[in-house]
């Protein structure tokens, strides 16, 4: 089974998000075009290229919805001169100045275990096959987080997930 197949299978059936921006209000040019696609599989690579800065500003549901399109686009277009690979890696690295960043963690709250496993396999592949072409420092930090047992516990804890979802809902009012 290829990594692309694993990504497609683990992110299958995602609902179109109601809310797209994390902090509510306004609309960012990087997000406008992404909203036109009701299925993440239909998002063309050209739209991802133009919206390479969108991931950090997306709501948790929108992040979950478009992330597989970014993961797949990187695999299909590697190597290349595109910033999409590194910006996607940065969005998966919740460490900021050596500490876990709650803002980043808030984007991960809806990711399921199979989706988290697909992220691990994607990062491992990039580090194994393309380490010299990516920001491997951030990729290794991201991989450490996603492989760490505390990731599954933190994101998997019903109480933690409930509190993060409540906070996400308050921010997007």
C-alpha atoms as a PDB file:
ATOM      1  CA  UNK A   1       0.000   0.000   0.000  1.00  0.00           C
ATOM      2  CA  UNK A   2       1.467   3.369  -0.991  1.00  0.00           C
ATOM      3  CA  UNK A   3       1.589   6.369   1.322  1.00  0.00           C
ATOM      4  CA  UNK A   4      -0.806   8.212  -0.970  1.00  0.00           C
ATOM      5  CA  UNK A   5      -3.268   5.318  -0.654  1.00  0.00           C
ATOM      6  CA  UNK A   6      -2.874   5.359   3.152  1.00  0.00           C
ATOM      7  CA  UNK A   7      -3.557   9.110   3.205  1.00  0.00           C
ATOM      8  CA  UNK A   8      -6.596   8.764   0.948  1.00  0.00           C
ATOM      9  CA  UNK A   9      -8.000   5.898   2.994  1.00  0.00           C
ATOM     10  CA  UNK A  10      -7.432   7.462   6.417  1.00  0.00           C
ATOM     11  CA  UNK A  11      -8.908  10.840   5.433  1.00  0.00           C
ATOM     12  CA  UNK A  12     -11.824   9.371   3.471  1.00  0.00           C
ATOM     13  CA  UNK A  13     -15.311  10.763   4.063  1.00  0.00           C
ATOM     14  CA  UNK A  14     -14.414  14.075   5.691  1.00  0.00           C
ATOM     15  CA  UNK A  15     -17.262  16.566   5.928  1.00  0.00           C
ATOM     16  CA  UNK A  16     -16.902  20.000   4.366  1.00  0.00           C
ATOM     17  CA  UNK A  17     -16.070  22.386   7.246  1.00  0.00           C
ATOM     18  CA  UNK A  18     -18.510  25.102   8.287  1.00  0.00           C
ATOM     19  CA  UNK A  19     -15.806  27.338   9.686  1.00  0.00           C
ATOM     20  CA  UNK A  20     -12.506  27.874   7.899  1.00  0.00           C
ATOM     21  CA  UNK A  21     -10.463  30.439   9.818  1.00  0.00           C
ATOM     22  CA  UNK A  22      -9.107  29.862  13.302  1.00  0.00           C
ATOM     23  CA  UNK A  23      -9.623  33.271  14.765  1.00  0.00           C
ATOM     24  CA  UNK A  24     -12.969  33.974  13.084  1.00  0.00           C
ATOM     25  CA  UNK A  25     -13.846  36.977  10.991  1.00  0.00           C
ATOM     26  CA  UNK A  26     -12.354  38.056   7.714  1.00  0.00           C
ATOM     27  CA  UNK A  27     -11.177  35.865   4.915  1.00  0.00           C
ATOM     28  CA  UNK A  28      -7.639  35.224   3.819  1.00  0.00           C
ATOM     29  CA  UNK A  29      -6.681  35.026   0.145  1.00  0.00           C
ATOM     30  CA  UNK A  30      -4.865  31.742   0.829  1.00  0.00           C
ATOM     31  CA  UNK A  31      -8.125  30.178   2.035  1.00  0.00           C
ATOM     32  CA  UNK A  32     -10.649  31.589  -0.445  1.00  0.00           C
ATOM     33  CA  UNK A  33      -9.756  29.227  -3.251  1.00  0.00           C
ATOM     34  CA  UNK A  34      -9.670  26.155  -0.999  1.00  0.00           C
ATOM     35  CA  UNK A  35     -13.286  26.810   0.002  1.00  0.00           C
ATOM     36  CA  UNK A  36     -14.411  26.126  -3.560  1.00  0.00           C
ATOM     37  CA  UNK A  37     -13.788  22.379  -3.196  1.00  0.00           C
ATOM     38  CA  UNK A  38     -16.287  20.188  -1.339  1.00  0.00           C
ATOM     39  CA  UNK A  39     -13.977  17.162  -1.528  1.00  0.00           C
ATOM     40  CA  UNK A  40     -10.313  17.482  -0.572  1.00  0.00           C
ATOM     41  CA  UNK A  41      -9.375  15.030  -3.354  1.00  0.00           C
ATOM     42  CA  UNK A  42     -10.598  17.550  -5.942  1.00  0.00           C
ATOM     43  CA  UNK A  43      -8.252  20.334  -4.796  1.00  0.00           C
ATOM     44  CA  UNK A  44      -5.762  20.827  -7.645  1.00  0.00           C
ATOM     45  CA  UNK A  45      -2.050  21.097  -6.926  1.00  0.00           C
ATOM     46  CA  UNK A  46      -2.079  24.610  -8.418  1.00  0.00           C
ATOM     47  CA  UNK A  47      -4.552  25.743  -5.726  1.00  0.00           C
ATOM     48  CA  UNK A  48      -2.365  24.194  -3.030  1.00  0.00           C
ATOM     49  CA  UNK A  49       0.680  25.951  -4.492  1.00  0.00           C
ATOM     50  CA  UNK A  50      -1.084  29.310  -4.356  1.00  0.00           C
ATOM     51  CA  UNK A  51      -2.423  28.571  -0.862  1.00  0.00           C
ATOM     52  CA  UNK A  52       0.818  27.265   0.593  1.00  0.00           C
ATOM     53  CA  UNK A  53       0.447  29.588   3.610  1.00  0.00           C
ATOM     54  CA  UNK A  54      -3.119  28.537   4.465  1.00  0.00           C
ATOM     55  CA  UNK A  55      -2.556  25.649   6.900  1.00  0.00           C
ATOM     56  CA  UNK A  56      -1.543  27.666   9.986  1.00  0.00           C
ATOM     57  CA  UNK A  57      -4.628  29.921   9.868  1.00  0.00           C
ATOM     58  CA  UNK A  58      -7.245  27.209   9.343  1.00  0.00           C
ATOM     59  CA  UNK A  59      -9.764  26.094  11.945  1.00  0.00           C
ATOM     60  CA  UNK A  60      -9.273  22.572  13.295  1.00  0.00           C
ATOM     61  CA  UNK A  61     -11.987  21.137  11.015  1.00  0.00           C
ATOM     62  CA  UNK A  62     -10.672  22.953   7.925  1.00  0.00           C
ATOM     63  CA  UNK A  63      -7.128  21.817   8.782  1.00  0.00           C
ATOM     64  CA  UNK A  64      -8.300  18.196   8.941  1.00  0.00           C
ATOM     65  CA  UNK A  65     -10.209  18.663   5.683  1.00  0.00           C
ATOM     66  CA  UNK A  66      -7.377  20.072   3.527  1.00  0.00           C
ATOM     67  CA  UNK A  67      -4.308  18.503   5.162  1.00  0.00           C
ATOM     68  CA  UNK A  68      -4.510  15.280   3.113  1.00  0.00           C
ATOM     69  CA  UNK A  69      -4.549  17.319  -0.108  1.00  0.00           C
ATOM     70  CA  UNK A  70      -1.310  19.004   0.994  1.00  0.00           C
ATOM     71  CA  UNK A  71       0.297  15.702   2.049  1.00  0.00           C
ATOM     72  CA  UNK A  72      -0.613  14.118  -1.276  1.00  0.00           C
ATOM     73  CA  UNK A  73       0.493  17.154  -3.318  1.00  0.00           C
ATOM     74  CA  UNK A  74       3.941  17.069  -1.713  1.00  0.00           C
ATOM     75  CA  UNK A  75       4.336  13.386  -2.579  1.00  0.00           C
ATOM     76  CA  UNK A  76       3.153  13.864  -6.150  1.00  0.00           C
ATOM     77  CA  UNK A  77       5.344  16.876  -6.863  1.00  0.00           C
ATOM     78  CA  UNK A  78       8.564  16.049  -5.069  1.00  0.00           C
ATOM     79  CA  UNK A  79      11.211  17.235  -5.565  1.00  0.00           C
ATOM     80  CA  UNK A  80      10.404  20.718  -6.663  1.00  0.00           C
ATOM     81  CA  UNK A  81      10.911  24.367  -5.979  1.00  0.00           C
ATOM     82  CA  UNK A  82       7.599  24.664  -4.162  1.00  0.00           C
ATOM     83  CA  UNK A  83       7.419  25.860  -0.540  1.00  0.00           C
ATOM     84  CA  UNK A  84       4.459  23.520   0.072  1.00  0.00           C
ATOM     85  CA  UNK A  85       6.591  20.708   1.517  1.00  0.00           C
ATOM     86  CA  UNK A  86       8.246  22.865   4.163  1.00  0.00           C
ATOM     87  CA  UNK A  87       5.118  24.850   5.070  1.00  0.00           C
ATOM     88  CA  UNK A  88       3.226  21.570   5.494  1.00  0.00           C
ATOM     89  CA  UNK A  89       6.023  20.227   7.707  1.00  0.00           C
ATOM     90  CA  UNK A  90       5.966  23.444   9.775  1.00  0.00           C
ATOM     91  CA  UNK A  91       2.215  23.088  10.273  1.00  0.00           C
ATOM     92  CA  UNK A  92       2.772  19.573  11.652  1.00  0.00           C
ATOM     93  CA  UNK A  93       5.479  20.661  14.089  1.00  0.00           C
ATOM     94  CA  UNK A  94       3.782  21.927  17.267  1.00  0.00           C
ATOM     95  CA  UNK A  95       7.071  22.857  18.925  1.00  0.00           C
ATOM     96  CA  UNK A  96       7.684  26.583  19.082  1.00  0.00           C
ATOM     97  CA  UNK A  97      10.888  27.661  20.823  1.00  0.00           C
ATOM     98  CA  UNK A  98      11.255  24.157  22.257  1.00  0.00           C
ATOM     99  CA  UNK A  99       7.801  24.033  23.865  1.00  0.00           C
ATOM    100  CA  UNK A 100       4.500  22.589  22.723  1.00  0.00           C
ATOM    101  CA  UNK A 101       2.356  25.350  21.277  1.00  0.00           C
ATOM    102  CA  UNK A 102      -1.324  25.206  22.269  1.00  0.00           C
ATOM    103  CA  UNK A 103      -2.350  27.083  19.141  1.00  0.00           C
ATOM    104  CA  UNK A 104      -0.844  24.304  16.999  1.00  0.00           C
ATOM    105  CA  UNK A 105      -2.243  21.553  19.208  1.00  0.00           C
ATOM    106  CA  UNK A 106      -5.700  23.066  18.782  1.00  0.00           C
ATOM    107  CA  UNK A 107      -5.532  22.350  15.054  1.00  0.00           C
ATOM    108  CA  UNK A 108      -4.932  18.644  15.645  1.00  0.00           C
ATOM    109  CA  UNK A 109      -7.945  17.903  17.853  1.00  0.00           C
ATOM    110  CA  UNK A 110     -10.082  16.241  15.185  1.00  0.00           C
ATOM    111  CA  UNK A 111      -7.355  14.076  13.666  1.00  0.00           C
ATOM    112  CA  UNK A 112      -8.107  10.400  14.174  1.00  0.00           C
ATOM    113  CA  UNK A 113      -5.570   7.704  14.998  1.00  0.00           C
ATOM    114  CA  UNK A 114      -5.413   6.457  11.368  1.00  0.00           C
ATOM    115  CA  UNK A 115      -4.901  10.053  10.215  1.00  0.00           C
ATOM    116  CA  UNK A 116      -2.129  10.575  12.761  1.00  0.00           C
ATOM    117  CA  UNK A 117      -0.515   7.346  11.572  1.00  0.00           C
ATOM    118  CA  UNK A 118      -0.670   8.571   7.960  1.00  0.00           C
ATOM    119  CA  UNK A 119       1.126  11.753   9.060  1.00  0.00           C
ATOM    120  CA  UNK A 120       3.852   9.647  10.702  1.00  0.00           C
ATOM    121  CA  UNK A 121       4.342   7.597   7.542  1.00  0.00           C
ATOM    122  CA  UNK A 122       4.434  10.747   5.402  1.00  0.00           C
ATOM    123  CA  UNK A 123       7.093  12.353   7.619  1.00  0.00           C
ATOM    124  CA  UNK A 124       9.141   9.140   7.771  1.00  0.00           C
ATOM    125  CA  UNK A 125       9.082   8.867   3.988  1.00  0.00           C
ATOM    126  CA  UNK A 126      10.231  12.459   3.499  1.00  0.00           C
ATOM    127  CA  UNK A 127      13.029  12.046   6.036  1.00  0.00           C
ATOM    128  CA  UNK A 128      14.130   8.762   4.511  1.00  0.00           C
ATOM    129  CA  UNK A 129      13.927   9.729   0.846  1.00  0.00           C
ATOM    130  CA  UNK A 130      14.275  13.528   0.766  1.00  0.00           C
ATOM    131  CA  UNK A 131      15.996  14.659   3.985  1.00  0.00           C
ATOM    132  CA  UNK A 132      18.452  16.828   2.072  1.00  0.00           C
ATOM    133  CA  UNK A 133      15.608  18.613   0.216  1.00  0.00           C
ATOM    134  CA  UNK A 134      13.377  19.529   3.168  1.00  0.00           C
ATOM    135  CA  UNK A 135      13.737  21.304   6.492  1.00  0.00           C
ATOM    136  CA  UNK A 136      14.775  18.108   8.220  1.00  0.00           C
ATOM    137  CA  UNK A 137      15.130  19.758  11.647  1.00  0.00           C
ATOM    138  CA  UNK A 138      11.426  20.652  11.694  1.00  0.00           C
ATOM    139  CA  UNK A 139      10.491  17.335  10.079  1.00  0.00           C
ATOM    140  CA  UNK A 140      12.330  15.399  12.812  1.00  0.00           C
ATOM    141  CA  UNK A 141      10.700  17.506  15.547  1.00  0.00           C
ATOM    142  CA  UNK A 142       7.283  16.929  13.974  1.00  0.00           C
ATOM    143  CA  UNK A 143       7.939  13.195  13.649  1.00  0.00           C
ATOM    144  CA  UNK A 144       9.029  13.029  17.297  1.00  0.00           C
ATOM    145  CA  UNK A 145       5.746  14.603  18.326  1.00  0.00           C
ATOM    146  CA  UNK A 146       3.526  12.433  16.130  1.00  0.00           C
ATOM    147  CA  UNK A 147       5.321   9.216  17.110  1.00  0.00           C
ATOM    148  CA  UNK A 148       5.502  10.055  20.792  1.00  0.00           C
ATOM    149  CA  UNK A 149       3.056   8.137  22.933  1.00  0.00           C
ATOM    150  CA  UNK A 150       2.078  11.415  24.604  1.00  0.00           C
ATOM    151  CA  UNK A 151       0.720  12.653  21.280  1.00  0.00           C
ATOM    152  CA  UNK A 152      -1.837   9.876  21.192  1.00  0.00           C
ATOM    153  CA  UNK A 153      -2.596  10.364  24.888  1.00  0.00           C
ATOM    154  CA  UNK A 154      -2.884  14.141  24.630  1.00  0.00           C
ATOM    155  CA  UNK A 155      -5.039  14.106  21.530  1.00  0.00           C
ATOM    156  CA  UNK A 156      -6.811  10.904  22.493  1.00  0.00           C
ATOM    157  CA  UNK A 157      -7.874  11.912  25.975  1.00  0.00           C
ATOM    158  CA  UNK A 158     -11.637  12.604  25.893  1.00  0.00           C
ATOM    159  CA  UNK A 159     -11.271  15.351  28.503  1.00  0.00           C
ATOM    160  CA  UNK A 160      -8.426  17.082  26.661  1.00  0.00           C
ATOM    161  CA  UNK A 161     -10.178  16.802  23.295  1.00  0.00           C
ATOM    162  CA  UNK A 162     -13.404  18.182  24.793  1.00  0.00           C
ATOM    163  CA  UNK A 163     -11.582  21.161  26.338  1.00  0.00           C
ATOM    164  CA  UNK A 164      -9.647  21.900  23.135  1.00  0.00           C
ATOM    165  CA  UNK A 165     -12.849  21.661  21.062  1.00  0.00           C
ATOM    166  CA  UNK A 166     -14.623  24.085  23.412  1.00  0.00           C
ATOM    167  CA  UNK A 167     -11.719  26.517  23.130  1.00  0.00           C
ATOM    168  CA  UNK A 168     -11.713  26.160  19.353  1.00  0.00           C
ATOM    169  CA  UNK A 169     -15.456  26.899  19.238  1.00  0.00           C
ATOM    170  CA  UNK A 170     -15.029  30.025  21.421  1.00  0.00           C
ATOM    171  CA  UNK A 171     -12.235  31.350  19.209  1.00  0.00           C
ATOM    172  CA  UNK A 172     -14.315  30.916  16.081  1.00  0.00           C
ATOM    173  CA  UNK A 173     -17.401  32.782  17.273  1.00  0.00           C
END
